[in-house]
Amino acid sequence: MEKNNLNWMDVPEGWALCFNSECPLHEACLRWQAGQLAPQEVTVARCITPRALTGERCVHFASMEPQTYAYGFSTIYQRVLKADFTPLRKLMTEHLQGKRYYYQYMRGERALSPEQQQWIRHLFERYGYGDSVVFDRYQETFDFTWV
């Protein structure tokens, strides 16, 4: 599995950063860690204010815990019976928002989130193929999904 260290180039443009070193959560916070990587010439458009901190909780806290994303599922149907192939593929296509995205996910052009992977595993378990869900590759990376 590929591991990903935090890099300034990975931080999405406009993602709110934190510079509050007094926050008791700052060492475990992705926003604070990303803020420490910001080059001097970068003008910060969105910054978390100290007022976001209430006691020991921050409403903008983002965990430094990396998430495991999966890419591609080229072999997922190998052990599936012919009678189950069409319904499985149809449900997968619907869940992945249509044929265009389905094929992008299947080819590994789009990352499957941990939640999407879990949904696919549950779907295949319902049809009796729980042990056949293996994705082509995995990558650990940070979760920048919410602004």
C-alpha atoms as a PDB file:
ATOM      1  CA  MET A   1       0.000   0.000   0.000  1.00  0.00           C
ATOM      2  CA  GLU A   2       1.301   3.429  -0.884  1.00  0.00           C
ATOM      3  CA  LYS A   3       1.704   5.837   2.020  1.00  0.00           C
ATOM      4  CA  ASN A   4       1.322   9.557   1.687  1.00  0.00           C
ATOM      5  CA  ASN A   5       3.135  12.121   3.836  1.00  0.00           C
ATOM      6  CA  LEU A   6       1.512  15.515   4.195  1.00  0.00           C
ATOM      7  CA  ASN A   7       2.759  17.855   1.503  1.00  0.00           C
ATOM      8  CA  TRP A   8       1.699  21.455   0.825  1.00  0.00           C
ATOM      9  CA  MET A   9       0.892  20.542  -2.795  1.00  0.00           C
ATOM     10  CA  ASP A  10      -1.775  18.090  -1.523  1.00  0.00           C
ATOM     11  CA  VAL A  11      -3.688  20.784   0.387  1.00  0.00           C
ATOM     12  CA  PRO A  12      -6.686  21.892  -1.708  1.00  0.00           C
ATOM     13  CA  GLU A  13      -6.859  25.540  -2.651  1.00  0.00           C
ATOM     14  CA  GLY A  14      -9.163  27.390  -0.287  1.00  0.00           C
ATOM     15  CA  TRP A  15      -8.968  24.724   2.412  1.00  0.00           C
ATOM     16  CA  ALA A  16      -9.169  26.465   5.790  1.00  0.00           C
ATOM     17  CA  LEU A  17      -5.924  26.463   7.749  1.00  0.00           C
ATOM     18  CA  CYS A  18      -5.252  26.928  11.459  1.00  0.00           C
ATOM     19  CA  PHE A  19      -2.368  28.815  13.056  1.00  0.00           C
ATOM     20  CA  ASN A  20      -3.497  28.551  16.690  1.00  0.00           C
ATOM     21  CA  SER A  21      -0.553  26.859  18.397  1.00  0.00           C
ATOM     22  CA  GLU A  22      -2.318  27.356  21.756  1.00  0.00           C
ATOM     23  CA  CYS A  23      -5.007  24.867  20.743  1.00  0.00           C
ATOM     24  CA  PRO A  24      -4.579  21.618  22.702  1.00  0.00           C
ATOM     25  CA  LEU A  25      -5.511  19.653  19.558  1.00  0.00           C
ATOM     26  CA  HIS A  26      -3.042  21.286  17.162  1.00  0.00           C
ATOM     27  CA  GLU A  27      -0.538  18.403  16.985  1.00  0.00           C
ATOM     28  CA  ALA A  28      -3.283  16.001  15.827  1.00  0.00           C
ATOM     29  CA  CYS A  29      -5.028  18.488  13.516  1.00  0.00           C
ATOM     30  CA  LEU A  30      -4.635  18.356   9.758  1.00  0.00           C
ATOM     31  CA  ARG A  31      -5.563  22.054   9.434  1.00  0.00           C
ATOM     32  CA  TRP A  32      -2.795  23.130  11.792  1.00  0.00           C
ATOM     33  CA  GLN A  33      -0.230  20.791  10.220  1.00  0.00           C
ATOM     34  CA  ALA A  34      -1.161  22.080   6.740  1.00  0.00           C
ATOM     35  CA  GLY A  35      -0.845  25.665   7.986  1.00  0.00           C
ATOM     36  CA  GLN A  36       2.712  24.928   9.126  1.00  0.00           C
ATOM     37  CA  LEU A  37       3.581  23.850   5.580  1.00  0.00           C
ATOM     38  CA  ALA A  38       2.192  26.992   3.919  1.00  0.00           C
ATOM     39  CA  PRO A  39       4.959  28.861   2.083  1.00  0.00           C
ATOM     40  CA  GLN A  40       5.628  32.429   3.265  1.00  0.00           C
ATOM     41  CA  GLU A  41       4.381  33.904  -0.023  1.00  0.00           C
ATOM     42  CA  VAL A  42       0.994  32.203   0.238  1.00  0.00           C
ATOM     43  CA  THR A  43      -1.819  34.541   1.199  1.00  0.00           C
ATOM     44  CA  VAL A  44      -4.216  32.670   3.422  1.00  0.00           C
ATOM     45  CA  ALA A  45      -7.783  33.322   2.295  1.00  0.00           C
ATOM     46  CA  ARG A  46      -9.473  31.075   4.847  1.00  0.00           C
ATOM     47  CA  CYS A  47      -8.174  30.797   8.350  1.00  0.00           C
ATOM     48  CA  ILE A  48      -9.673  29.174  11.432  1.00  0.00           C
ATOM     49  CA  THR A  49     -10.135  31.723  14.220  1.00  0.00           C
ATOM     50  CA  PRO A  50      -9.283  31.045  17.863  1.00  0.00           C
ATOM     51  CA  ARG A  51     -13.018  31.408  18.604  1.00  0.00           C
ATOM     52  CA  ALA A  52     -13.558  28.019  16.902  1.00  0.00           C
ATOM     53  CA  LEU A  53     -12.076  26.434  20.013  1.00  0.00           C
ATOM     54  CA  THR A  54     -14.576  25.737  22.788  1.00  0.00           C
ATOM     55  CA  GLY A  55     -12.863  24.198  25.770  1.00  0.00           C
ATOM     56  CA  GLU A  56     -11.080  21.118  24.483  1.00  0.00           C
ATOM     57  CA  ARG A  57     -13.097  20.912  21.238  1.00  0.00           C
ATOM     58  CA  CYS A  58     -12.690  22.713  17.937  1.00  0.00           C
ATOM     59  CA  VAL A  59     -15.552  22.719  15.435  1.00  0.00           C
ATOM     60  CA  HIS A  60     -13.059  22.726  12.555  1.00  0.00           C
ATOM     61  CA  PHE A  61     -10.805  19.926  13.795  1.00  0.00           C
ATOM     62  CA  ALA A  62      -9.660  17.609  10.986  1.00  0.00           C
ATOM     63  CA  SER A  63      -7.849  14.432  11.976  1.00  0.00           C
ATOM     64  CA  MET A  64      -4.284  13.741  10.870  1.00  0.00           C
ATOM     65  CA  GLU A  65      -5.258  10.053  10.688  1.00  0.00           C
ATOM     66  CA  PRO A  66      -4.724   9.000   7.065  1.00  0.00           C
ATOM     67  CA  GLN A  67      -7.577   7.274   5.240  1.00  0.00           C
ATOM     68  CA  THR A  68      -7.144   4.281   2.928  1.00  0.00           C
ATOM     69  CA  TYR A  69      -8.496   4.936  -0.563  1.00  0.00           C
ATOM     70  CA  ALA A  70      -8.841   2.165  -3.148  1.00  0.00           C
ATOM     71  CA  TYR A  71      -8.269   2.406  -6.893  1.00  0.00           C
ATOM     72  CA  GLY A  72      -9.734   0.065  -9.479  1.00  0.00           C
ATOM     73  CA  PHE A  73     -11.739  -3.138  -9.275  1.00  0.00           C
ATOM     74  CA  SER A  74     -10.757  -4.987 -12.432  1.00  0.00           C
ATOM     75  CA  THR A  75     -11.005  -8.447 -10.826  1.00  0.00           C
ATOM     76  CA  ILE A  76     -14.029  -7.961  -8.578  1.00  0.00           C
ATOM     77  CA  TYR A  77     -16.414 -10.018 -10.749  1.00  0.00           C
ATOM     78  CA  GLN A  78     -14.075 -12.979 -11.430  1.00  0.00           C
ATOM     79  CA  ARG A  79     -15.797 -15.331  -8.972  1.00  0.00           C
ATOM     80  CA  VAL A  80     -19.320 -13.991  -9.499  1.00  0.00           C
ATOM     81  CA  LEU A  81     -21.868 -16.319 -11.095  1.00  0.00           C
ATOM     82  CA  LYS A  82     -23.319 -15.200 -14.416  1.00  0.00           C
ATOM     83  CA  ALA A  83     -26.807 -14.852 -12.877  1.00  0.00           C
ATOM     84  CA  ASP A  84     -25.476 -12.377 -10.278  1.00  0.00           C
ATOM     85  CA  PHE A  85     -23.238 -10.321 -12.559  1.00  0.00           C
ATOM     86  CA  THR A  86     -25.925  -8.064 -14.066  1.00  0.00           C
ATOM     87  CA  PRO A  87     -27.702  -7.145 -10.811  1.00  0.00           C
ATOM     88  CA  LEU A  88     -24.381  -6.511  -9.043  1.00  0.00           C
ATOM     89  CA  ARG A  89     -23.071  -4.357 -11.849  1.00  0.00           C
ATOM     90  CA  LYS A  90     -26.350  -2.418 -12.053  1.00  0.00           C
ATOM     91  CA  LEU A  91     -26.344  -1.678  -8.314  1.00  0.00           C
ATOM     92  CA  MET A  92     -22.668  -0.692  -8.434  1.00  0.00           C
ATOM     93  CA  THR A  93     -23.296   1.618 -11.397  1.00  0.00           C
ATOM     94  CA  GLU A  94     -26.218   3.297  -9.636  1.00  0.00           C
ATOM     95  CA  HIS A  95     -24.279   3.729  -6.408  1.00  0.00           C
ATOM     96  CA  LEU A  96     -21.255   5.152  -8.218  1.00  0.00           C
ATOM     97  CA  GLN A  97     -23.470   7.745  -9.970  1.00  0.00           C
ATOM     98  CA  GLY A  98     -23.758   6.298 -13.451  1.00  0.00           C
ATOM     99  CA  LYS A  99     -21.755   4.548 -16.150  1.00  0.00           C
ATOM    100  CA  ARG A 100     -19.211   7.326 -16.657  1.00  0.00           C
ATOM    101  CA  TYR A 101     -18.095   7.338 -13.024  1.00  0.00           C
ATOM    102  CA  TYR A 102     -18.482   3.567 -12.690  1.00  0.00           C
ATOM    103  CA  TYR A 103     -15.878   3.020 -15.411  1.00  0.00           C
ATOM    104  CA  GLN A 104     -13.567   5.692 -13.985  1.00  0.00           C
ATOM    105  CA  TYR A 105     -13.688   3.965 -10.594  1.00  0.00           C
ATOM    106  CA  MET A 106     -13.294   0.528 -12.194  1.00  0.00           C
ATOM    107  CA  ARG A 107     -10.177   1.623 -14.128  1.00  0.00           C
ATOM    108  CA  GLY A 108      -8.688   3.287 -11.040  1.00  0.00           C
ATOM    109  CA  GLU A 109      -8.970   6.831 -12.382  1.00  0.00           C
ATOM    110  CA  ARG A 110     -11.013   7.859  -9.335  1.00  0.00           C
ATOM    111  CA  ALA A 111     -10.385   6.960  -5.720  1.00  0.00           C
ATOM    112  CA  LEU A 112     -12.961   4.956  -3.798  1.00  0.00           C
ATOM    113  CA  SER A 113     -13.437   6.408  -0.324  1.00  0.00           C
ATOM    114  CA  PRO A 114     -13.484   4.121   2.722  1.00  0.00           C
ATOM    115  CA  GLU A 115     -17.290   4.519   2.807  1.00  0.00           C
ATOM    116  CA  GLN A 116     -17.637   3.502  -0.853  1.00  0.00           C
ATOM    117  CA  GLN A 117     -15.390   0.482  -0.290  1.00  0.00           C
ATOM    118  CA  GLN A 118     -17.516  -0.572   2.672  1.00  0.00           C
ATOM    119  CA  TRP A 119     -20.728  -0.216   0.641  1.00  0.00           C
ATOM    120  CA  ILE A 120     -19.269  -2.410  -2.128  1.00  0.00           C
ATOM    121  CA  ARG A 121     -18.145  -5.035   0.408  1.00  0.00           C
ATOM    122  CA  HIS A 122     -21.639  -5.137   1.945  1.00  0.00           C
ATOM    123  CA  LEU A 123     -23.237  -5.443  -1.490  1.00  0.00           C
ATOM    124  CA  PHE A 124     -21.035  -8.390  -2.434  1.00  0.00           C
ATOM    125  CA  GLU A 125     -21.590  -9.998   0.992  1.00  0.00           C
ATOM    126  CA  ARG A 126     -25.368  -9.863   0.425  1.00  0.00           C
ATOM    127  CA  TYR A 127     -24.847 -11.888  -2.769  1.00  0.00           C
ATOM    128  CA  GLY A 128     -22.450 -14.306  -1.054  1.00  0.00           C
ATOM    129  CA  TYR A 129     -19.186 -12.968  -2.492  1.00  0.00           C
ATOM    130  CA  GLY A 130     -17.819 -11.065   0.503  1.00  0.00           C
ATOM    131  CA  ASP A 131     -14.383 -12.658   0.263  1.00  0.00           C
ATOM    132  CA  SER A 132     -13.926 -11.709  -3.407  1.00  0.00           C
ATOM    133  CA  VAL A 133     -13.834  -7.926  -2.888  1.00  0.00           C
ATOM    134  CA  VAL A 134     -10.252  -6.918  -3.580  1.00  0.00           C
ATOM    135  CA  PHE A 135      -9.365  -3.608  -5.167  1.00  0.00           C
ATOM    136  CA  ASP A 136      -6.467  -3.160  -7.579  1.00  0.00           C
ATOM    137  CA  ARG A 137      -4.418  -0.902  -5.323  1.00  0.00           C
ATOM    138  CA  TYR A 138      -4.690   1.093  -2.127  1.00  0.00           C
ATOM    139  CA  GLN A 139      -3.253   4.416  -1.053  1.00  0.00           C
ATOM    140  CA  GLU A 140      -3.182   6.029   2.355  1.00  0.00           C
ATOM    141  CA  THR A 141      -3.813   9.747   2.199  1.00  0.00           C
ATOM    142  CA  PHE A 142      -5.293  12.568   4.234  1.00  0.00           C
ATOM    143  CA  ASP A 143      -8.990  13.424   4.180  1.00  0.00           C
ATOM    144  CA  PHE A 144      -9.520  16.892   2.749  1.00  0.00           C
ATOM    145  CA  THR A 145     -13.166  16.202   1.861  1.00  0.00           C
ATOM    146  CA  TRP A 146     -14.772  18.939   3.924  1.00  0.00           C
ATOM    147  CA  VAL A 147     -13.966  22.633   3.719  1.00  0.00           C
END
